[in-house]
Amino acid sequence: MHIGIDLGLQQLDSKINTNLQHEEKDYLINSVISELINGIFNNEQNTTLNFISAQDIKKYYNALQKFIRNINVSFESIDDYYEAQLPLSNNLGSSYNSGVLIDGVRYKVSAPGTTNFTAFGYSTNPPVLNDEFTCNINEINVTDGSTLAIGTYKILNAGGFDFTASPFNATNNNVGTIFTITASASISFSGNSYTPVLKPLKMQPTWDGTTELIPVSDTECYLPLSSDSIVTTGNYIMSGTLTPRKKYIVVNAGTTPIDLSGVGGVSYPSVGYIFTCTSDAVITWTSNSKLIEVKSYHNRVVLFEEVYNYLNNRFGTTKTSPISVFINNKLRVYHNTNFEINDIKLSYLIKPATVDYNNKIDCDLPEYLHSLLVDLVVKKASAVIGSKEYPALRQEIIENPKIASQQ
């Protein structure tokens, strides 16, 4: 891409061909990528280069699908709304040869060594120089006598085991609770039959000191797209049978955890465990066990200054279409004490890799878009430098009926 920029600038004006340093080219590439993304996902027509039309949006949208993430976010209840923190930057920094790997982050092998990353989504062992892989840490079915490595974990189902005890120190055993352990910990069931399931968010491989990785992506929320809420509906269920194809949440597992394995759930469900019923088979209810039906609804995103205009309307806060807003890098979903939300899903765009010539970090957009990016960078660079060709380019854009109609 740097060579393509040089060639494009040479065609415009030979005097500016050698004026740009590698870092300047990186900056221009990254800024054009940002404009491209905003043009496609925000339908933003008034970009610096005016290169997005309706046809362009359809053409390039699929190229960015790999940057879309759909996750369950942790949230808390505050007054008349629930609030969830959007995924933040992990401050990944430069190349390193120790510490934890982060689920969902893409890494490049800058020094191979012999560290085994096969448990982290990398298929080759030992690593190969300049290979890239996306860290993918599988769920863990915890067994008696197993060991948890240093890292951060989310409880998918405590399965009767107590993660609030040392050295785990989780705040509770509910589904979605996140806890961190700073030293490898041994698991002992003490003769009990537990079925815990954890999702590792960060784990530490056994590092060989000569192995080095460079993170080339992040899990940060670069652009929020939409969100959905799992909302309780109907009355509590404490006896009888469940209805197939409906979703339920465990409100109370009972003094002896209710066994849901025959109807699409698990044997030892935790509070907050959500499952889809697969059978109307009779289940054995235990003392205090309690379920309730839940449904998934799309949150309506509104401008912050319009929130209370919606909330004061009689239809403003309904469980079938909760009002939501993005503010201060957080997502708020309003309930006005009219209903209860048990889970929030967020769809968002992660930031593409920041192109860095010196660290050999390439653009991770598809290669068929690289020529487009180069052309746009050449136009932008000529504008920044003040090429005599730039006014003619701007006039061409203005006179283009298809683009002008979008202004």
Protein backbone atom coordinates (compact mmCIF):
# COMPACT_ATOMS: atom_id res chain seq x y z
CA MET A 1 0.00 0.00 0.00
CA HIS A 2 2.90 2.38 0.71
CA ILE A 3 4.29 1.66 -2.74
CA GLY A 4 0.87 2.27 -4.27
CA ILE A 5 0.70 5.65 -2.49
CA ASP A 6 4.11 6.62 -3.89
CA LEU A 7 3.03 5.68 -7.40
CA GLY A 8 -0.24 7.58 -7.10
CA LEU A 9 1.47 10.72 -5.82
CA GLN A 10 4.08 10.44 -8.56
CA GLN A 11 1.31 10.57 -11.14
CA LEU A 12 -0.20 13.67 -9.53
CA ASP A 13 2.92 15.65 -8.80
CA SER A 14 6.50 14.34 -8.88
CA LYS A 15 7.61 16.93 -6.30
CA ILE A 16 5.45 15.45 -3.53
CA ASN A 17 6.32 11.82 -4.23
CA THR A 18 9.01 11.62 -1.56
CA ASN A 19 7.56 14.11 0.92
CA LEU A 20 5.67 11.58 3.09
CA GLN A 21 7.35 9.54 5.82
CA HIS A 22 6.21 6.02 6.66
CA GLU A 23 4.41 7.28 9.78
CA GLU A 24 2.54 9.89 7.71
CA LYS A 25 1.39 7.27 5.24
CA ASP A 26 0.21 5.09 8.14
CA TYR A 27 -1.73 8.03 9.57
CA LEU A 28 -3.44 8.75 6.25
CA ILE A 29 -4.32 5.08 5.69
CA ASN A 30 -5.81 4.77 9.18
CA SER A 31 -7.80 8.00 8.85
CA VAL A 32 -9.24 6.91 5.49
CA ILE A 33 -10.21 3.52 6.99
CA SER A 34 -12.03 5.40 9.76
CA GLU A 35 -13.91 7.50 7.20
CA LEU A 36 -14.80 4.42 5.19
CA ILE A 37 -16.26 2.68 8.26
CA ASN A 38 -18.28 5.71 9.34
CA GLY A 39 -19.57 6.15 5.81
CA ILE A 40 -20.76 2.56 5.65
CA PHE A 41 -22.19 2.02 9.13
CA ASN A 42 -23.43 5.54 9.88
CA ASN A 43 -24.45 6.29 6.29
CA GLU A 44 -22.25 9.37 6.63
CA GLN A 45 -22.16 11.15 3.29
CA ASN A 46 -20.32 14.28 4.33
CA THR A 47 -16.85 12.78 4.74
CA THR A 48 -13.70 14.66 3.79
CA LEU A 49 -13.46 12.78 0.53
CA ASN A 50 -17.18 12.34 -0.29
CA PHE A 51 -16.54 8.85 -1.58
CA ILE A 52 -19.56 7.04 -0.15
CA SER A 53 -22.74 6.51 -2.11
CA ALA A 54 -25.62 4.10 -1.52
CA GLN A 55 -24.02 1.73 -4.02
CA ASP A 56 -20.69 1.92 -2.21
CA ILE A 57 -22.33 1.11 1.11
CA LYS A 58 -23.87 -2.08 -0.27
CA LYS A 59 -20.64 -3.02 -2.00
CA TYR A 60 -18.32 -2.62 1.00
CA TYR A 61 -20.61 -3.56 3.91
CA ASN A 62 -19.88 -7.28 3.70
CA ALA A 63 -16.14 -6.60 3.76
CA LEU A 64 -16.49 -5.35 7.34
CA GLN A 65 -18.58 -8.20 8.74
CA LYS A 66 -15.59 -9.80 10.47
CA PHE A 67 -15.24 -6.71 12.69
CA ILE A 68 -18.77 -7.07 14.11
CA ARG A 69 -19.07 -8.64 17.57
CA ASN A 70 -22.17 -9.75 19.46
CA ILE A 71 -21.62 -10.14 23.21
CA ASN A 72 -23.45 -10.30 26.53
CA VAL A 73 -22.49 -7.26 28.59
CA SER A 74 -22.39 -6.98 32.37
CA PHE A 75 -24.76 -4.33 33.72
CA GLU A 76 -26.13 -2.85 36.93
CA SER A 77 -29.44 -1.28 37.93
CA ILE A 78 -29.32 2.48 38.56
CA ASP A 79 -32.53 4.34 39.40
CA ASP A 80 -34.88 3.91 36.43
CA TYR A 81 -32.42 2.32 34.03
CA TYR A 82 -29.84 -0.42 33.61
CA GLU A 83 -26.32 0.63 32.64
CA ALA A 84 -23.64 -1.42 30.90
CA GLN A 85 -20.03 -0.47 30.21
CA LEU A 86 -19.08 -0.74 26.54
CA PRO A 87 -15.94 -2.82 25.89
CA LEU A 88 -12.86 -0.68 26.47
CA SER A 89 -9.36 -0.70 25.03
CA ASN A 90 -7.06 -3.20 26.71
CA ASN A 91 -3.99 -0.92 26.42
CA LEU A 92 -2.28 -3.67 24.51
CA GLY A 93 0.92 -1.78 23.81
CA SER A 94 3.81 -3.22 21.82
CA SER A 95 5.43 -6.65 21.49
CA TYR A 96 5.61 -8.74 24.65
CA ASN A 97 6.75 -12.20 25.76
CA SER A 98 4.84 -12.76 29.01
CA GLY A 99 1.44 -12.25 30.60
CA VAL A 100 -2.10 -13.16 29.58
CA LEU A 101 -3.73 -13.41 26.17
CA ILE A 102 -7.14 -11.79 25.66
CA ASP A 103 -10.01 -13.66 24.04
CA GLY A 104 -11.01 -12.08 20.71
CA VAL A 105 -7.75 -10.18 20.15
CA ARG A 106 -5.67 -10.87 17.04
CA TYR A 107 -1.91 -11.42 17.51
CA LYS A 108 1.09 -11.53 15.20
CA VAL A 109 4.12 -13.72 15.92
CA SER A 110 7.10 -11.34 15.98
CA ALA A 111 9.54 -13.91 17.44
CA PRO A 112 8.46 -17.58 17.20
CA GLY A 113 10.21 -19.39 20.07
CA THR A 114 8.48 -22.56 21.26
CA THR A 115 5.43 -21.35 23.25
CA ASN A 116 2.39 -23.54 22.60
CA PHE A 117 -0.65 -21.41 21.70
CA THR A 118 -2.90 -24.26 20.47
CA ALA A 119 -5.21 -23.73 23.49
CA PHE A 120 -5.62 -20.12 22.33
CA GLY A 121 -6.92 -20.66 18.81
CA TYR A 122 -3.56 -21.00 16.99
CA SER A 123 -3.37 -24.27 15.07
CA THR A 124 0.42 -24.44 14.58
CA ASN A 125 2.94 -25.56 17.18
CA PRO A 126 5.61 -24.27 17.48
CA PRO A 127 4.71 -20.76 16.27
CA VAL A 128 5.81 -19.49 12.85
CA LEU A 129 7.33 -16.03 12.33
CA ASN A 130 4.81 -13.42 11.09
CA ASP A 131 1.82 -15.76 11.45
CA GLU A 132 -1.35 -14.13 12.78
CA PHE A 133 -4.12 -15.72 14.84
CA THR A 134 -7.21 -14.58 16.72
CA CYS A 135 -7.17 -15.66 20.35
CA ASN A 136 -10.10 -18.01 20.95
CA ILE A 137 -10.28 -19.56 24.40
CA ASN A 138 -12.85 -22.33 24.67
CA GLU A 139 -15.32 -22.74 27.51
CA ILE A 140 -14.11 -24.91 30.38
CA ASN A 141 -16.15 -27.68 31.96
CA VAL A 142 -14.47 -27.61 35.37
CA THR A 143 -13.76 -31.05 36.85
CA ASP A 144 -12.68 -32.24 40.27
CA GLY A 145 -8.92 -31.91 40.66
CA SER A 146 -8.45 -29.62 37.66
CA THR A 147 -6.39 -26.44 37.82
CA LEU A 148 -7.42 -22.97 36.72
CA ALA A 149 -4.58 -20.93 35.23
CA ILE A 150 -3.94 -17.27 35.99
CA GLY A 151 -6.60 -15.23 34.22
CA THR A 152 -10.07 -13.69 34.16
CA TYR A 153 -13.19 -15.86 33.93
CA LYS A 154 -16.93 -15.42 33.44
CA ILE A 155 -19.33 -17.82 35.14
CA LEU A 156 -21.59 -19.45 32.55
CA ASN A 157 -22.98 -21.80 35.20
CA ALA A 158 -21.60 -22.29 38.71
CA GLY A 159 -23.07 -25.79 38.72
CA GLY A 160 -23.36 -25.84 42.51
CA PHE A 161 -19.72 -24.93 43.12
CA ASP A 162 -18.91 -21.88 45.26
CA PHE A 163 -16.66 -19.40 43.40
CA THR A 164 -17.03 -16.78 46.13
CA ALA A 165 -14.51 -18.67 48.29
CA SER A 166 -10.77 -17.97 48.17
CA PRO A 167 -8.80 -17.94 45.89
CA PHE A 168 -11.58 -17.18 43.35
CA ASN A 169 -13.34 -14.46 45.35
CA ALA A 170 -16.22 -13.90 42.91
CA THR A 171 -18.86 -11.47 44.19
CA ASN A 172 -21.53 -14.16 43.72
CA ASN A 173 -22.18 -17.38 41.81
CA ASN A 174 -24.73 -15.96 39.40
CA VAL A 175 -24.44 -16.44 35.65
CA GLY A 176 -22.36 -13.65 34.07
CA THR A 177 -20.25 -12.91 37.17
CA ILE A 178 -16.62 -12.16 36.28
CA PHE A 179 -13.69 -12.91 38.58
CA THR A 180 -9.90 -12.89 38.31
CA ILE A 181 -7.34 -15.22 39.88
CA THR A 182 -3.73 -14.10 40.19
CA ALA A 183 -2.17 -17.51 40.86
CA SER A 184 -3.07 -20.93 39.43
CA ALA A 185 -5.74 -22.54 41.61
CA SER A 186 -6.63 -26.18 42.20
CA ILE A 187 -10.31 -27.25 42.17
CA SER A 188 -11.61 -29.66 44.81
CA PHE A 189 -15.23 -30.85 44.84
CA SER A 190 -14.75 -32.56 48.23
CA GLY A 191 -16.78 -35.57 47.13
CA ASN A 192 -19.69 -33.52 45.74
CA SER A 193 -21.02 -33.72 42.18
CA TYR A 194 -20.70 -30.25 40.66
CA THR A 195 -20.93 -29.15 37.01
CA PRO A 196 -19.36 -25.67 36.70
CA VAL A 197 -18.82 -24.09 33.27
CA LEU A 198 -16.53 -21.07 32.83
CA LYS A 199 -15.61 -18.86 29.89
CA PRO A 200 -11.98 -17.67 30.11
CA LEU A 201 -11.70 -14.03 29.02
CA LYS A 202 -7.96 -13.81 29.67
CA MET A 203 -5.52 -16.67 30.24
CA GLN A 204 -1.77 -17.00 30.56
CA PRO A 205 0.06 -19.51 28.38
CA THR A 206 3.28 -21.17 29.51
CA TRP A 207 5.67 -18.70 27.94
CA ASP A 208 9.02 -19.47 26.37
CA GLY A 209 11.02 -16.28 26.90
CA THR A 210 12.10 -16.15 23.26
CA THR A 211 8.50 -16.05 21.98
CA GLU A 212 7.06 -12.61 21.27
CA LEU A 213 3.65 -11.51 20.04
CA ILE A 214 2.38 -8.17 18.77
CA PRO A 215 -1.35 -7.53 19.30
CA VAL A 216 -2.80 -6.19 16.06
CA SER A 217 -6.40 -5.74 17.15
CA ASP A 218 -8.42 -4.94 20.23
CA THR A 219 -11.81 -5.78 21.74
CA GLU A 220 -12.67 -2.10 22.21
CA CYS A 221 -16.11 -0.90 21.12
CA TYR A 222 -15.14 1.24 18.15
CA LEU A 223 -18.72 1.81 17.00
CA PRO A 224 -21.89 0.57 18.80
CA LEU A 225 -24.49 -0.77 16.39
CA SER A 226 -27.48 -2.13 18.32
CA SER A 227 -28.55 -3.91 21.50
CA ASP A 228 -31.19 -6.36 22.70
CA SER A 229 -32.64 -7.08 26.13
CA ILE A 230 -33.82 -10.35 27.65
CA VAL A 231 -36.95 -9.29 29.54
CA THR A 232 -38.99 -11.27 32.07
CA THR A 233 -42.62 -11.80 31.20
CA GLY A 234 -45.56 -13.47 32.90
CA ASN A 235 -45.67 -14.95 36.38
CA TYR A 236 -43.19 -17.00 38.36
CA ILE A 237 -43.34 -20.74 37.71
CA MET A 238 -42.86 -23.02 40.71
CA SER A 239 -44.63 -26.19 39.56
CA GLY A 240 -45.98 -27.95 36.48
CA THR A 241 -44.41 -28.37 33.06
CA LEU A 242 -42.59 -25.94 30.77
CA THR A 243 -43.47 -25.09 27.18
CA PRO A 244 -41.07 -26.22 24.41
CA ARG A 245 -39.34 -23.49 22.36
CA LYS A 246 -39.86 -20.88 25.08
CA LYS A 247 -36.96 -19.37 27.04
CA TYR A 248 -36.79 -19.42 30.82
CA ILE A 249 -34.48 -17.98 33.46
CA VAL A 250 -33.67 -19.52 36.83
CA VAL A 251 -34.72 -17.09 39.57
CA ASN A 252 -34.05 -19.53 42.39
CA ALA A 253 -32.40 -22.91 41.87
CA GLY A 254 -33.92 -24.26 45.09
CA THR A 255 -32.35 -25.73 48.21
CA THR A 256 -31.39 -28.68 46.04
CA PRO A 257 -30.74 -27.34 42.53
CA ILE A 258 -33.59 -28.21 40.19
CA ASP A 259 -32.58 -30.67 37.46
CA LEU A 260 -33.29 -29.14 34.01
CA SER A 261 -31.19 -31.58 31.96
CA GLY A 262 -34.29 -33.29 30.55
CA VAL A 263 -35.83 -30.10 29.17
CA GLY A 264 -32.83 -28.42 27.48
CA GLY A 265 -31.03 -27.08 30.54
CA VAL A 266 -28.37 -28.38 32.92
CA SER A 267 -28.42 -30.48 36.07
CA TYR A 268 -27.20 -27.81 38.47
CA PRO A 269 -28.42 -24.43 37.17
CA SER A 270 -27.22 -21.18 38.73
CA VAL A 271 -29.31 -18.07 39.37
CA GLY A 272 -29.54 -16.15 36.10
CA TYR A 273 -29.14 -19.28 33.95
CA ILE A 274 -31.20 -18.90 30.74
CA PHE A 275 -32.18 -21.86 28.56
CA THR A 276 -34.60 -22.77 25.78
CA CYS A 277 -37.02 -25.53 26.73
CA THR A 278 -36.84 -28.54 24.41
CA SER A 279 -39.46 -30.78 25.99
CA ASP A 280 -42.68 -30.69 27.99
CA ALA A 281 -41.44 -33.58 30.11
CA VAL A 282 -42.29 -33.39 33.78
CA ILE A 283 -39.50 -31.99 35.96
CA THR A 284 -39.05 -32.46 39.69
CA TRP A 285 -39.43 -29.12 41.45
CA THR A 286 -37.40 -28.65 44.60
CA SER A 287 -38.02 -26.45 47.62
CA ASN A 288 -37.97 -22.74 46.64
CA SER A 289 -37.08 -23.45 42.99
CA LYS A 290 -38.51 -20.75 40.77
CA LEU A 291 -38.38 -19.99 37.01
CA ILE A 292 -39.90 -17.28 34.83
CA GLU A 293 -40.35 -16.96 31.08
CA VAL A 294 -38.15 -14.45 29.25
CA LYS A 295 -38.25 -12.94 25.76
CA SER A 296 -35.69 -11.06 23.68
CA TYR A 297 -36.60 -7.55 22.50
CA HIS A 298 -34.69 -5.02 20.42
CA ASN A 299 -33.77 -1.81 22.26
CA ARG A 300 -34.74 1.48 20.60
CA VAL A 301 -31.72 3.80 20.48
CA VAL A 302 -32.59 7.49 20.81
CA LEU A 303 -30.63 10.71 21.21
CA PHE A 304 -29.84 11.51 24.83
CA GLU A 305 -31.64 14.87 24.75
CA GLU A 306 -34.80 13.09 23.57
CA VAL A 307 -34.80 10.35 26.23
CA TYR A 308 -37.33 11.94 28.58
CA ASN A 309 -39.60 13.00 25.74
CA TYR A 310 -39.95 9.30 25.01
CA LEU A 311 -40.16 8.23 28.64
CA ASN A 312 -42.98 10.71 29.36
CA ASN A 313 -45.02 9.25 26.54
CA ARG A 314 -47.38 6.46 27.58
CA PHE A 315 -45.69 4.16 25.05
CA GLY A 316 -42.21 5.40 25.90
CA THR A 317 -41.10 2.53 28.11
CA THR A 318 -42.61 -0.78 27.13
CA LYS A 319 -41.01 -4.14 27.67
CA THR A 320 -41.42 -4.98 23.97
CA SER A 321 -39.26 -2.01 22.89
CA PRO A 322 -37.08 -0.59 25.68
CA ILE A 323 -35.68 2.93 25.26
CA SER A 324 -31.87 2.99 25.22
CA VAL A 325 -29.09 5.51 24.72
CA PHE A 326 -25.30 5.45 24.31
CA ILE A 327 -23.62 7.93 26.66
CA ASN A 328 -20.13 8.28 28.18
CA ASN A 329 -19.05 4.99 26.60
CA LYS A 330 -21.95 3.24 28.32
CA LEU A 331 -25.26 1.79 27.25
CA ARG A 332 -28.36 2.75 29.25
CA VAL A 333 -31.59 0.80 28.92
CA TYR A 334 -34.59 2.41 30.66
CA HIS A 335 -37.22 0.38 32.49
CA ASN A 336 -38.98 2.99 34.70
CA THR A 337 -39.70 0.11 37.13
CA ASN A 338 -42.15 -1.30 34.56
CA PHE A 339 -40.20 -4.48 33.85
CA GLU A 340 -37.03 -6.39 34.67
CA ILE A 341 -34.14 -7.05 32.31
CA ASN A 342 -32.05 -10.16 32.89
CA ASP A 343 -29.53 -9.96 30.07
CA ILE A 344 -28.31 -7.38 27.54
CA LYS A 345 -26.69 -8.24 24.22
CA LEU A 346 -24.59 -5.68 22.39
CA SER A 347 -23.66 -5.69 18.70
CA TYR A 348 -20.69 -3.48 17.97
CA LEU A 349 -17.78 -2.92 15.64
CA ILE A 350 -14.24 -3.47 16.88
CA LYS A 351 -11.49 -1.20 15.63
CA PRO A 352 -9.61 -2.56 12.60
CA ALA A 353 -5.89 -3.05 13.02
CA THR A 354 -3.94 0.21 13.16
CA VAL A 355 -1.55 0.06 10.22
CA ASP A 356 2.03 0.39 11.48
CA TYR A 357 4.84 0.13 8.93
CA ASN A 358 7.63 0.05 11.54
CA ASN A 359 6.07 -2.83 13.48
CA LYS A 360 4.99 -4.64 10.29
CA ILE A 361 1.29 -4.50 11.15
CA ASP A 362 -0.70 -4.69 7.93
CA CYS A 363 -4.19 -3.48 7.13
CA ASP A 364 -6.67 -6.24 8.00
CA LEU A 365 -9.36 -5.11 5.58
CA PRO A 366 -9.71 -7.48 2.59
CA GLU A 367 -7.01 -7.03 -0.05
CA TYR A 368 -9.55 -6.16 -2.73
CA LEU A 369 -10.20 -2.92 -0.80
CA HIS A 370 -6.54 -1.92 -0.64
CA SER A 371 -6.51 -0.29 -4.07
CA LEU A 372 -9.56 1.78 -3.08
CA LEU A 373 -7.84 2.86 0.15
CA VAL A 374 -4.68 3.79 -1.76
CA ASP A 375 -6.65 5.94 -4.22
CA LEU A 376 -8.39 7.74 -1.36
CA VAL A 377 -5.13 8.28 0.51
CA VAL A 378 -3.52 9.77 -2.61
CA LYS A 379 -6.37 12.27 -2.94
CA LYS A 380 -6.22 13.12 0.75
CA ALA A 381 -2.42 13.44 0.75
CA SER A 382 -2.53 15.77 -2.25
CA ALA A 383 -5.04 17.94 -0.39
CA VAL A 384 -2.90 18.02 2.77
CA ILE A 385 0.28 18.86 0.87
CA GLY A 386 -1.42 21.39 -1.39
CA SER A 387 -0.96 19.78 -4.79
CA LYS A 388 -2.08 21.94 -7.71
CA GLU A 389 -4.08 18.91 -8.90
CA TYR A 390 -6.31 18.87 -5.83
CA PRO A 391 -8.73 21.67 -6.85
CA ALA A 392 -9.43 19.79 -10.08
CA LEU A 393 -10.13 16.62 -8.10
CA ARG A 394 -12.52 18.47 -5.79
CA GLN A 395 -14.33 19.99 -8.77
CA GLU A 396 -14.70 16.53 -10.30
CA ILE A 397 -16.33 15.29 -7.10
CA ILE A 398 -18.70 18.28 -6.93
CA GLU A 399 -19.77 17.86 -10.56
CA ASN A 400 -20.40 14.13 -10.19
CA PRO A 401 -24.24 13.96 -10.11
CA LYS A 402 -24.34 10.72 -8.12
CA ILE A 403 -22.19 12.14 -5.31
CA ALA A 404 -23.59 15.67 -5.46
CA SER A 405 -27.10 14.29 -4.93
CA GLN A 406 -25.97 12.89 -1.59
CA GLN A 407 -24.85 16.25 -0.21
